[in-house]
Amino acid sequence: MIDASEVAVLVNPSAGRGRRAGVVADVIGRLRAARLTPKLLPAPDRDAALAVCREAVAERPAALVAVGGDGTVHLAVQAVAGTGVPLGVVPIGTGNDFVGALGMPVAPEPAIKALVAALREGHRRVIDLGRSSQPGADDVWYGTVLSAGLDASINERANRLTWPKGPRRYDVSILAEILQLAPHDYKLVLDGETRELSAMIIALGNTARYGGGLPVCPNADPTDGLLDLTVISPIGRATAVRMKSLMRKARHLDHPAVSHHRARVVEIHGEPRPTYADGERGLALPVTVECVPGALTLLA
């Protein structure tokens, strides 16, 4: 059990397409009913939100609760990674890959009940995080998947789309990118072992899912101290369309164009295009990505 104490609450004002007001009121009400003190963090933009999250975490609250989608969770993770301050999530986004991959509630009502129960009863779950870095840049932490190929281009396009809503954005983006399909050359260094190759997709998973539920790294375990790497070699458009169907069924690892590896530290070298982590724009290549065991504590 914990004593009544402050819980910082981060809300994405654009998440949930209008549902946020009722969900936020429910979160605040349930926390107060549990004799906890909610502190709603101002978040007019991403930079301001990250700054206030870090300030709140420095004060050692009982938890930081992210109300939003994967982007909001990604931002909160930057503040709590490695601090021991637990993270709670109330999902009102479109893909919700973070909570879905971890088996946490994907609807607001059960998520609120679960996080309040975890706060009152002291339930915690510790998982690994991925961390990408390069000289002269701030590290970027992530909980789900980092992508550095066609998958990153799909994310870039999907994040620009205003229609359709939800995971269908990724379906549209996949088809659009397949029409201009082209592989890229990479040098990968996996725990010191160098591989040079051409690839369509480079995905480094701490958990299995990205893109609204695609299990690109189906065997990823966020407690094993390793990242799962899925590489898809150059393929034609027809195969790319079939690959999407195979990926939805988590059967793509059996395809001859797909290879799978595990490593603790992975260097990705290539053209200076942006990577995406948790569906958010990250560092441009080249980057070093490592698994940091036990870096995130969850209310679960």
C-alpha atoms as a PDB file:
ATOM      1  CA  MET A   1       0.000   0.000   0.000  1.00  0.00           C
ATOM      2  CA  ILE A   2       1.116   3.592  -0.574  1.00  0.00           C
ATOM      3  CA  ASP A   3       0.208   6.762   1.227  1.00  0.00           C
ATOM      4  CA  ALA A   4      -1.919   9.374  -0.512  1.00  0.00           C
ATOM      5  CA  SER A   5       0.443  11.292  -2.784  1.00  0.00           C
ATOM      6  CA  GLU A   6       0.678  13.201  -6.016  1.00  0.00           C
ATOM      7  CA  VAL A   7       0.078  11.607  -9.398  1.00  0.00           C
ATOM      8  CA  ALA A   8       1.176  13.634 -12.423  1.00  0.00           C
ATOM      9  CA  VAL A   9      -1.241  13.359 -15.371  1.00  0.00           C
ATOM     10  CA  LEU A  10      -0.176  14.131 -18.941  1.00  0.00           C
ATOM     11  CA  VAL A  11      -2.978  14.551 -21.499  1.00  0.00           C
ATOM     12  CA  ASN A  12      -2.642  14.765 -25.260  1.00  0.00           C
ATOM     13  CA  PRO A  13      -5.206  17.419 -26.231  1.00  0.00           C
ATOM     14  CA  SER A  14      -5.663  15.964 -29.714  1.00  0.00           C
ATOM     15  CA  ALA A  15      -5.915  12.256 -28.846  1.00  0.00           C
ATOM     16  CA  GLY A  16      -9.159  10.337 -28.876  1.00  0.00           C
ATOM     17  CA  ARG A  17     -11.070  12.571 -31.333  1.00  0.00           C
ATOM     18  CA  GLY A  18     -13.225  14.300 -28.710  1.00  0.00           C
ATOM     19  CA  ARG A  19     -13.330  11.588 -26.040  1.00  0.00           C
ATOM     20  CA  ARG A  20     -10.581  13.118 -23.941  1.00  0.00           C
ATOM     21  CA  ALA A  21     -12.687  15.459 -21.783  1.00  0.00           C
ATOM     22  CA  GLY A  22     -14.801  12.662 -20.307  1.00  0.00           C
ATOM     23  CA  VAL A  23     -11.830  10.331 -19.908  1.00  0.00           C
ATOM     24  CA  VAL A  24      -9.701  12.966 -18.183  1.00  0.00           C
ATOM     25  CA  ALA A  25     -12.548  13.794 -15.791  1.00  0.00           C
ATOM     26  CA  ASP A  26     -12.876  10.079 -15.006  1.00  0.00           C
ATOM     27  CA  VAL A  27      -9.127   9.740 -14.367  1.00  0.00           C
ATOM     28  CA  ILE A  28      -9.078  12.748 -12.048  1.00  0.00           C
ATOM     29  CA  GLY A  29     -12.204  11.599 -10.211  1.00  0.00           C
ATOM     30  CA  ARG A  30     -10.980   8.033  -9.705  1.00  0.00           C
ATOM     31  CA  LEU A  31      -7.600   9.217  -8.407  1.00  0.00           C
ATOM     32  CA  ARG A  32      -9.247  11.566  -5.924  1.00  0.00           C
ATOM     33  CA  ALA A  33     -11.635   8.832  -4.811  1.00  0.00           C
ATOM     34  CA  ALA A  34      -8.565   6.684  -4.102  1.00  0.00           C
ATOM     35  CA  ARG A  35      -7.195   9.481  -1.872  1.00  0.00           C
ATOM     36  CA  LEU A  36      -4.494  10.378  -4.351  1.00  0.00           C
ATOM     37  CA  THR A  37      -3.729  13.910  -5.524  1.00  0.00           C
ATOM     38  CA  PRO A  38      -3.841  14.307  -9.317  1.00  0.00           C
ATOM     39  CA  LYS A  39      -1.749  17.070 -10.880  1.00  0.00           C
ATOM     40  CA  LEU A  40      -2.761  17.859 -14.463  1.00  0.00           C
ATOM     41  CA  LEU A  41       0.313  18.857 -16.452  1.00  0.00           C
ATOM     42  CA  PRO A  42      -0.010  21.694 -19.002  1.00  0.00           C
ATOM     43  CA  ALA A  43       0.866  20.439 -22.489  1.00  0.00           C
ATOM     44  CA  PRO A  44       0.351  23.158 -25.134  1.00  0.00           C
ATOM     45  CA  ASP A  45       2.971  21.530 -27.376  1.00  0.00           C
ATOM     46  CA  ARG A  46       5.413  18.644 -27.352  1.00  0.00           C
ATOM     47  CA  ASP A  47       8.448  20.545 -26.068  1.00  0.00           C
ATOM     48  CA  ALA A  48       6.487  22.108 -23.228  1.00  0.00           C
ATOM     49  CA  ALA A  49       4.907  18.774 -22.347  1.00  0.00           C
ATOM     50  CA  LEU A  50       8.282  17.042 -22.185  1.00  0.00           C
ATOM     51  CA  ALA A  51       9.704  19.805 -19.994  1.00  0.00           C
ATOM     52  CA  VAL A  52       6.847  19.679 -17.468  1.00  0.00           C
ATOM     53  CA  CYS A  53       6.937  15.866 -17.427  1.00  0.00           C
ATOM     54  CA  ARG A  54      10.636  15.928 -16.551  1.00  0.00           C
ATOM     55  CA  GLU A  55      10.029  18.556 -13.870  1.00  0.00           C
ATOM     56  CA  ALA A  56       7.207  16.468 -12.407  1.00  0.00           C
ATOM     57  CA  VAL A  57       9.265  13.259 -12.432  1.00  0.00           C
ATOM     58  CA  ALA A  58      12.143  15.044 -10.697  1.00  0.00           C
ATOM     59  CA  GLU A  59       9.769  15.664  -7.778  1.00  0.00           C
ATOM     60  CA  ARG A  60       9.276  11.871  -7.441  1.00  0.00           C
ATOM     61  CA  PRO A  61       5.485  11.575  -7.779  1.00  0.00           C
ATOM     62  CA  ALA A  62       3.680   8.315  -7.099  1.00  0.00           C
ATOM     63  CA  ALA A  63       3.387   7.941 -10.876  1.00  0.00           C
ATOM     64  CA  LEU A  64       3.183   9.698 -14.212  1.00  0.00           C
ATOM     65  CA  VAL A  65      -0.043   8.824 -16.044  1.00  0.00           C
ATOM     66  CA  ALA A  66      -0.212   9.324 -19.828  1.00  0.00           C
ATOM     67  CA  VAL A  67      -3.704   9.853 -21.250  1.00  0.00           C
ATOM     68  CA  GLY A  68      -3.447   9.543 -25.026  1.00  0.00           C
ATOM     69  CA  GLY A  69      -2.061   7.313 -27.738  1.00  0.00           C
ATOM     70  CA  ASP A  70       1.362   5.883 -28.506  1.00  0.00           C
ATOM     71  CA  GLY A  71       2.788   9.373 -29.128  1.00  0.00           C
ATOM     72  CA  THR A  72       1.790  10.511 -25.645  1.00  0.00           C
ATOM     73  CA  VAL A  73       3.234   7.345 -24.122  1.00  0.00           C
ATOM     74  CA  HIS A  74       6.452   7.874 -26.099  1.00  0.00           C
ATOM     75  CA  LEU A  75       6.774  11.394 -24.700  1.00  0.00           C
ATOM     76  CA  ALA A  76       6.120  10.222 -21.137  1.00  0.00           C
ATOM     77  CA  VAL A  77       8.714   7.454 -21.526  1.00  0.00           C
ATOM     78  CA  GLN A  78      11.386  10.095 -22.266  1.00  0.00           C
ATOM     79  CA  ALA A  79      10.713  11.535 -18.796  1.00  0.00           C
ATOM     80  CA  VAL A  80      10.438   8.360 -16.698  1.00  0.00           C
ATOM     81  CA  ALA A  81      13.020   6.086 -18.364  1.00  0.00           C
ATOM     82  CA  GLY A  82      15.595   4.941 -15.856  1.00  0.00           C
ATOM     83  CA  THR A  83      14.080   6.913 -12.955  1.00  0.00           C
ATOM     84  CA  GLY A  84      11.986   4.226 -11.261  1.00  0.00           C
ATOM     85  CA  VAL A  85       8.932   6.522 -11.311  1.00  0.00           C
ATOM     86  CA  PRO A  86       6.131   4.267 -12.583  1.00  0.00           C
ATOM     87  CA  LEU A  87       4.192   5.005 -15.745  1.00  0.00           C
ATOM     88  CA  GLY A  88       0.449   4.462 -16.059  1.00  0.00           C
ATOM     89  CA  VAL A  89      -1.371   4.567 -19.398  1.00  0.00           C
ATOM     90  CA  VAL A  90      -4.974   5.386 -20.254  1.00  0.00           C
ATOM     91  CA  PRO A  91      -5.171   4.707 -24.006  1.00  0.00           C
ATOM     92  CA  ILE A  92      -7.354   6.973 -26.153  1.00  0.00           C
ATOM     93  CA  GLY A  93      -5.211   6.946 -29.289  1.00  0.00           C
ATOM     94  CA  THR A  94      -5.616   5.257 -32.659  1.00  0.00           C
ATOM     95  CA  GLY A  95      -3.108   2.398 -32.659  1.00  0.00           C
ATOM     96  CA  ASN A  96      -2.364   1.900 -28.940  1.00  0.00           C
ATOM     97  CA  ASP A  97       0.442  -0.508 -29.846  1.00  0.00           C
ATOM     98  CA  PHE A  98       2.299  -0.030 -26.558  1.00  0.00           C
ATOM     99  CA  VAL A  99      -0.488  -1.244 -24.283  1.00  0.00           C
ATOM    100  CA  GLY A 100      -1.702  -3.805 -26.825  1.00  0.00           C
ATOM    101  CA  ALA A 101       1.707  -5.468 -27.096  1.00  0.00           C
ATOM    102  CA  LEU A 102       2.026  -5.648 -23.297  1.00  0.00           C
ATOM    103  CA  GLY A 103      -1.428  -7.115 -22.715  1.00  0.00           C
ATOM    104  CA  MET A 104      -2.618  -4.017 -20.861  1.00  0.00           C
ATOM    105  CA  PRO A 105      -6.201  -2.705 -21.216  1.00  0.00           C
ATOM    106  CA  VAL A 106      -6.769  -0.996 -24.578  1.00  0.00           C
ATOM    107  CA  ALA A 107     -10.020   0.741 -23.531  1.00  0.00           C
ATOM    108  CA  PRO A 108     -10.073   3.731 -21.141  1.00  0.00           C
ATOM    109  CA  GLU A 109     -12.489   2.378 -18.509  1.00  0.00           C
ATOM    110  CA  PRO A 110     -10.619  -0.847 -17.637  1.00  0.00           C
ATOM    111  CA  ALA A 111      -7.298   0.990 -17.961  1.00  0.00           C
ATOM    112  CA  ILE A 112      -8.339   3.561 -15.347  1.00  0.00           C
ATOM    113  CA  LYS A 113      -9.519   0.826 -12.974  1.00  0.00           C
ATOM    114  CA  ALA A 114      -6.273  -1.076 -13.437  1.00  0.00           C
ATOM    115  CA  LEU A 115      -3.961   1.885 -12.820  1.00  0.00           C
ATOM    116  CA  VAL A 116      -5.867   3.010  -9.692  1.00  0.00           C
ATOM    117  CA  ALA A 117      -5.747  -0.556  -8.344  1.00  0.00           C
ATOM    118  CA  ALA A 118      -2.013  -0.733  -9.097  1.00  0.00           C
ATOM    119  CA  LEU A 119      -1.414   2.543  -7.266  1.00  0.00           C
ATOM    120  CA  ARG A 120      -3.416   1.469  -4.215  1.00  0.00           C
ATOM    121  CA  GLU A 121      -1.973  -2.028  -4.029  1.00  0.00           C
ATOM    122  CA  GLY A 122       1.591  -1.324  -5.091  1.00  0.00           C
ATOM    123  CA  HIS A 123       1.534  -3.490  -8.225  1.00  0.00           C
ATOM    124  CA  ARG A 124       4.439  -2.809 -10.569  1.00  0.00           C
ATOM    125  CA  ARG A 125       5.887  -4.377 -13.701  1.00  0.00           C
ATOM    126  CA  VAL A 126       9.435  -3.698 -14.895  1.00  0.00           C
ATOM    127  CA  ILE A 127      10.321  -3.963 -18.592  1.00  0.00           C
ATOM    128  CA  ASP A 128      13.203  -3.140 -20.913  1.00  0.00           C
ATOM    129  CA  LEU A 129      13.346  -0.123 -23.194  1.00  0.00           C
ATOM    130  CA  GLY A 130      15.162   0.565 -26.430  1.00  0.00           C
ATOM    131  CA  ARG A 131      17.421   3.618 -26.589  1.00  0.00           C
ATOM    132  CA  SER A 132      18.723   5.175 -29.798  1.00  0.00           C
ATOM    133  CA  SER A 133      21.670   7.552 -29.739  1.00  0.00           C
ATOM    134  CA  GLN A 134      24.163   9.428 -31.857  1.00  0.00           C
ATOM    135  CA  PRO A 135      26.893  11.963 -31.045  1.00  0.00           C
ATOM    136  CA  GLY A 136      25.587  15.454 -30.397  1.00  0.00           C
ATOM    137  CA  ALA A 137      21.901  14.475 -30.032  1.00  0.00           C
ATOM    138  CA  ASP A 138      19.640  13.676 -27.115  1.00  0.00           C
ATOM    139  CA  ASP A 139      18.922   9.981 -26.655  1.00  0.00           C
ATOM    140  CA  VAL A 140      15.509   8.743 -27.773  1.00  0.00           C
ATOM    141  CA  TRP A 141      13.880   6.010 -25.677  1.00  0.00           C
ATOM    142  CA  TYR A 142      11.167   3.741 -27.023  1.00  0.00           C
ATOM    143  CA  GLY A 143       8.938   0.946 -25.809  1.00  0.00           C
ATOM    144  CA  THR A 144       7.677  -0.731 -28.975  1.00  0.00           C
ATOM    145  CA  VAL A 145       9.543  -0.754 -32.312  1.00  0.00           C
ATOM    146  CA  LEU A 146      12.168   1.402 -34.001  1.00  0.00           C
ATOM    147  CA  SER A 147      11.961   1.379 -37.797  1.00  0.00           C
ATOM    148  CA  ALA A 148      14.558   2.525 -40.326  1.00  0.00           C
ATOM    149  CA  GLY A 149      13.355   1.581 -43.804  1.00  0.00           C
ATOM    150  CA  LEU A 150      10.117   1.398 -45.750  1.00  0.00           C
ATOM    151  CA  ASP A 151       8.379   1.052 -42.392  1.00  0.00           C
ATOM    152  CA  ALA A 152       9.729   4.476 -41.337  1.00  0.00           C
ATOM    153  CA  SER A 153       8.525   5.973 -44.628  1.00  0.00           C
ATOM    154  CA  ILE A 154       5.074   4.472 -43.987  1.00  0.00           C
ATOM    155  CA  ASN A 155       5.014   6.113 -40.561  1.00  0.00           C
ATOM    156  CA  GLU A 156       6.114   9.438 -42.047  1.00  0.00           C
ATOM    157  CA  ARG A 157       3.273   9.350 -44.557  1.00  0.00           C
ATOM    158  CA  ALA A 158       0.680   8.068 -42.056  1.00  0.00           C
ATOM    159  CA  ASN A 159       1.450  10.866 -39.625  1.00  0.00           C
ATOM    160  CA  ARG A 160       0.736  13.425 -42.358  1.00  0.00           C
ATOM    161  CA  LEU A 161      -2.641  11.941 -43.285  1.00  0.00           C
ATOM    162  CA  THR A 162      -5.851  13.480 -41.962  1.00  0.00           C
ATOM    163  CA  TRP A 163      -7.981  10.723 -43.530  1.00  0.00           C
ATOM    164  CA  PRO A 164      -8.745   7.925 -42.915  1.00  0.00           C
ATOM    165  CA  LYS A 165      -8.700   7.834 -39.119  1.00  0.00           C
ATOM    166  CA  GLY A 166      -7.242   5.146 -36.905  1.00  0.00           C
ATOM    167  CA  PRO A 167      -5.137   2.186 -38.059  1.00  0.00           C
ATOM    168  CA  ARG A 168      -6.555   2.521 -41.588  1.00  0.00           C
ATOM    169  CA  ARG A 169      -4.102   5.391 -42.078  1.00  0.00           C
ATOM    170  CA  TYR A 170      -1.316   2.825 -42.036  1.00  0.00           C
ATOM    171  CA  ASP A 171      -3.068   0.645 -44.597  1.00  0.00           C
ATOM    172  CA  VAL A 172      -3.330   3.623 -46.979  1.00  0.00           C
ATOM    173  CA  SER A 173       0.293   4.582 -46.320  1.00  0.00           C
ATOM    174  CA  ILE A 174       1.508   1.034 -46.943  1.00  0.00           C
ATOM    175  CA  LEU A 175      -0.192   0.900 -50.333  1.00  0.00           C
ATOM    176  CA  ALA A 176       1.096   4.350 -51.299  1.00  0.00           C
ATOM    177  CA  GLU A 177       4.680   3.477 -50.368  1.00  0.00           C
ATOM    178  CA  ILE A 178       4.495   0.131 -52.166  1.00  0.00           C
ATOM    179  CA  LEU A 179       3.741   2.008 -55.393  1.00  0.00           C
ATOM    180  CA  GLN A 180       7.179   3.672 -55.159  1.00  0.00           C
ATOM    181  CA  LEU A 181       8.941   0.677 -53.667  1.00  0.00           C
ATOM    182  CA  ALA A 182      12.749   0.850 -53.532  1.00  0.00           C
ATOM    183  CA  PRO A 183      15.300  -0.856 -51.256  1.00  0.00           C
ATOM    184  CA  HIS A 184      18.102   0.927 -49.403  1.00  0.00           C
ATOM    185  CA  ASP A 185      21.628  -0.126 -48.542  1.00  0.00           C
ATOM    186  CA  TYR A 186      22.591  -0.570 -44.902  1.00  0.00           C
ATOM    187  CA  LYS A 187      25.478  -1.569 -42.732  1.00  0.00           C
ATOM    188  CA  LEU A 188      24.301  -3.242 -39.540  1.00  0.00           C
ATOM    189  CA  VAL A 189      26.576  -3.998 -36.601  1.00  0.00           C
ATOM    190  CA  LEU A 190      24.934  -6.557 -34.287  1.00  0.00           C
ATOM    191  CA  ASP A 191      26.831  -6.856 -31.001  1.00  0.00           C
ATOM    192  CA  GLY A 192      30.044  -6.184 -32.921  1.00  0.00           C
ATOM    193  CA  GLU A 193      29.264  -8.380 -35.962  1.00  0.00           C
ATOM    194  CA  THR A 194      29.017  -6.396 -39.217  1.00  0.00           C
ATOM    195  CA  ARG A 195      26.530  -7.161 -41.997  1.00  0.00           C
ATOM    196  CA  GLU A 196      26.127  -5.177 -45.219  1.00  0.00           C
ATOM    197  CA  LEU A 197      22.844  -5.618 -47.061  1.00  0.00           C
ATOM    198  CA  SER A 198      20.006  -4.111 -49.063  1.00  0.00           C
ATOM    199  CA  ALA A 199      16.625  -4.106 -47.362  1.00  0.00           C
ATOM    200  CA  MET A 200      13.080  -2.852 -47.569  1.00  0.00           C
ATOM    201  CA  ILE A 201      12.333  -3.000 -43.851  1.00  0.00           C
ATOM    202  CA  ILE A 202      14.558  -2.726 -40.790  1.00  0.00           C
ATOM    203  CA  ALA A 203      12.586  -3.080 -37.548  1.00  0.00           C
ATOM    204  CA  LEU A 204      14.085  -3.293 -34.049  1.00  0.00           C
ATOM    205  CA  GLY A 205      11.471  -4.465 -31.586  1.00  0.00           C
ATOM    206  CA  ASN A 206      11.435  -4.197 -27.817  1.00  0.00           C
ATOM    207  CA  THR A 207       7.837  -5.396 -28.117  1.00  0.00           C
ATOM    208  CA  ALA A 208       6.085  -7.029 -31.054  1.00  0.00           C
ATOM    209  CA  ARG A 209       3.742  -4.451 -32.585  1.00  0.00           C
ATOM    210  CA  TYR A 210       3.744  -1.251 -34.583  1.00  0.00           C
ATOM    211  CA  GLY A 211       1.594   0.489 -37.189  1.00  0.00           C
ATOM    212  CA  GLY A 212      -1.736  -0.126 -35.471  1.00  0.00           C
ATOM    213  CA  GLY A 213      -1.261  -3.776 -34.552  1.00  0.00           C
ATOM    214  CA  LEU A 214       1.215  -5.308 -37.048  1.00  0.00           C
ATOM    215  CA  PRO A 215       3.370  -7.860 -35.159  1.00  0.00           C
ATOM    216  CA  VAL A 216       6.566  -7.125 -37.115  1.00  0.00           C
ATOM    217  CA  CYS A 217       8.734  -8.620 -34.358  1.00  0.00           C
ATOM    218  CA  PRO A 218       6.335 -11.315 -33.102  1.00  0.00           C
ATOM    219  CA  ASN A 219       8.826 -12.976 -30.749  1.00  0.00           C
ATOM    220  CA  ALA A 220      10.033  -9.795 -29.045  1.00  0.00           C
ATOM    221  CA  ASP A 221      10.107 -10.065 -25.248  1.00  0.00           C
ATOM    222  CA  PRO A 222      10.471  -6.774 -23.309  1.00  0.00           C
ATOM    223  CA  THR A 223      12.068  -8.584 -20.373  1.00  0.00           C
ATOM    224  CA  ASP A 224      14.859 -10.584 -22.056  1.00  0.00           C
ATOM    225  CA  GLY A 225      17.489  -7.826 -22.342  1.00  0.00           C
ATOM    226  CA  LEU A 226      17.582  -8.099 -26.135  1.00  0.00           C
ATOM    227  CA  LEU A 227      16.100  -6.370 -29.165  1.00  0.00           C
ATOM    228  CA  ASP A 228      14.465  -8.406 -31.924  1.00  0.00           C
ATOM    229  CA  LEU A 229      15.542  -7.384 -35.426  1.00  0.00           C
ATOM    230  CA  THR A 230      13.329  -8.142 -38.426  1.00  0.00           C
ATOM    231  CA  VAL A 231      14.880  -7.499 -41.856  1.00  0.00           C
ATOM    232  CA  ILE A 232      12.926  -7.805 -45.103  1.00  0.00           C
ATOM    233  CA  SER A 233      15.158  -8.033 -48.174  1.00  0.00           C
ATOM    234  CA  PRO A 234      14.268  -6.418 -51.521  1.00  0.00           C
ATOM    235  CA  ILE A 235      10.940  -7.749 -52.831  1.00  0.00           C
ATOM    236  CA  GLY A 236       8.537  -6.865 -55.619  1.00  0.00           C
ATOM    237  CA  ARG A 237       5.247  -5.028 -55.228  1.00  0.00           C
ATOM    238  CA  ALA A 238       3.093  -8.150 -55.412  1.00  0.00           C
ATOM    239  CA  THR A 239       5.189  -9.838 -52.718  1.00  0.00           C
ATOM    240  CA  ALA A 240       5.050  -6.677 -50.609  1.00  0.00           C
ATOM    241  CA  VAL A 241       1.253  -6.760 -50.666  1.00  0.00           C
ATOM    242  CA  ARG A 242       1.266 -10.423 -49.636  1.00  0.00           C
ATOM    243  CA  MET A 243       3.846  -9.676 -46.954  1.00  0.00           C
ATOM    244  CA  LYS A 244       1.417  -7.337 -45.243  1.00  0.00           C
ATOM    245  CA  SER A 245      -1.114 -10.170 -44.963  1.00  0.00           C
ATOM    246  CA  LEU A 246       1.552 -12.543 -43.655  1.00  0.00           C
ATOM    247  CA  MET A 247       2.660  -9.953 -41.129  1.00  0.00           C
ATOM    248  CA  ARG A 248      -0.865  -9.504 -39.776  1.00  0.00           C
ATOM    249  CA  LYS A 249      -0.907 -13.255 -39.073  1.00  0.00           C
ATOM    250  CA  ALA A 250       2.666 -13.158 -37.660  1.00  0.00           C
ATOM    251  CA  ARG A 251       3.749 -15.644 -40.362  1.00  0.00           C
ATOM    252  CA  HIS A 252       6.193 -13.418 -42.243  1.00  0.00           C
ATOM    253  CA  LEU A 253       9.286 -14.792 -40.455  1.00  0.00           C
ATOM    254  CA  ASP A 254       8.876 -17.996 -42.506  1.00  0.00           C
ATOM    255  CA  HIS A 255       9.214 -16.115 -45.810  1.00  0.00           C
ATOM    256  CA  PRO A 256      12.635 -16.521 -47.510  1.00  0.00           C
ATOM    257  CA  ALA A 257      13.008 -12.728 -47.885  1.00  0.00           C
ATOM    258  CA  VAL A 258      12.738 -12.227 -44.120  1.00  0.00           C
ATOM    259  CA  SER A 259      15.517 -12.706 -41.591  1.00  0.00           C
ATOM    260  CA  HIS A 260      15.372 -12.457 -37.822  1.00  0.00           C
ATOM    261  CA  HIS A 261      18.116 -11.672 -35.336  1.00  0.00           C
ATOM    262  CA  ARG A 262      18.522 -10.782 -31.661  1.00  0.00           C
ATOM    263  CA  ALA A 263      21.097  -8.416 -30.225  1.00  0.00           C
ATOM    264  CA  ARG A 264      21.691  -6.127 -27.283  1.00  0.00           C
ATOM    265  CA  VAL A 265      23.345  -3.325 -29.294  1.00  0.00           C
ATOM    266  CA  VAL A 266      22.680  -2.590 -32.973  1.00  0.00           C
ATOM    267  CA  GLU A 267      24.333   0.078 -35.116  1.00  0.00           C
ATOM    268  CA  ILE A 268      22.354   1.089 -38.209  1.00  0.00           C
ATOM    269  CA  HIS A 269      24.296   2.914 -40.928  1.00  0.00           C
ATOM    270  CA  GLY A 270      22.755   4.198 -44.139  1.00  0.00           C
ATOM    271  CA  GLU A 271      21.474   7.267 -45.941  1.00  0.00           C
ATOM    272  CA  PRO A 272      20.635  10.040 -43.436  1.00  0.00           C
ATOM    273  CA  ARG A 273      16.882   9.387 -43.350  1.00  0.00           C
ATOM    274  CA  PRO A 274      14.872   9.613 -40.114  1.00  0.00           C
ATOM    275  CA  THR A 275      14.106   6.605 -37.983  1.00  0.00           C
ATOM    276  CA  TYR A 276      10.737   6.206 -36.267  1.00  0.00           C
ATOM    277  CA  ALA A 277      10.290   4.908 -32.731  1.00  0.00           C
ATOM    278  CA  ASP A 278       6.856   4.253 -31.181  1.00  0.00           C
ATOM    279  CA  GLY A 279       5.465   5.816 -34.359  1.00  0.00           C
ATOM    280  CA  GLU A 280       7.257   9.100 -33.631  1.00  0.00           C
ATOM    281  CA  ARG A 281       9.991  10.734 -35.687  1.00  0.00           C
ATOM    282  CA  GLY A 282      13.364   9.962 -34.161  1.00  0.00           C
ATOM    283  CA  LEU A 283      17.050  10.373 -34.918  1.00  0.00           C
ATOM    284  CA  ALA A 284      18.318  10.194 -38.498  1.00  0.00           C
ATOM    285  CA  LEU A 285      20.776   7.489 -39.540  1.00  0.00           C
ATOM    286  CA  PRO A 286      23.358   6.529 -38.495  1.00  0.00           C
ATOM    287  CA  VAL A 287      22.200   5.533 -35.005  1.00  0.00           C
ATOM    288  CA  THR A 288      23.201   3.153 -32.259  1.00  0.00           C
ATOM    289  CA  VAL A 289      20.284   1.325 -30.670  1.00  0.00           C
ATOM    290  CA  GLU A 290      20.597  -0.642 -27.455  1.00  0.00           C
ATOM    291  CA  CYS A 291      18.335  -2.545 -25.132  1.00  0.00           C
ATOM    292  CA  VAL A 292      18.385  -1.136 -21.596  1.00  0.00           C
ATOM    293  CA  PRO A 293      17.120  -3.855 -19.213  1.00  0.00           C
ATOM    294  CA  GLY A 294      14.577  -2.848 -16.586  1.00  0.00           C
ATOM    295  CA  ALA A 295      14.516   0.805 -17.678  1.00  0.00           C
ATOM    296  CA  LEU A 296      10.754   1.276 -17.325  1.00  0.00           C
ATOM    297  CA  THR A 297       8.465   0.648 -14.360  1.00  0.00           C
ATOM    298  CA  LEU A 298       4.763   0.287 -15.204  1.00  0.00           C
ATOM    299  CA  LEU A 299       1.633   0.479 -13.110  1.00  0.00           C
ATOM    300  CA  ALA A 300       0.396  -3.012 -13.881  1.00  0.00           C
END
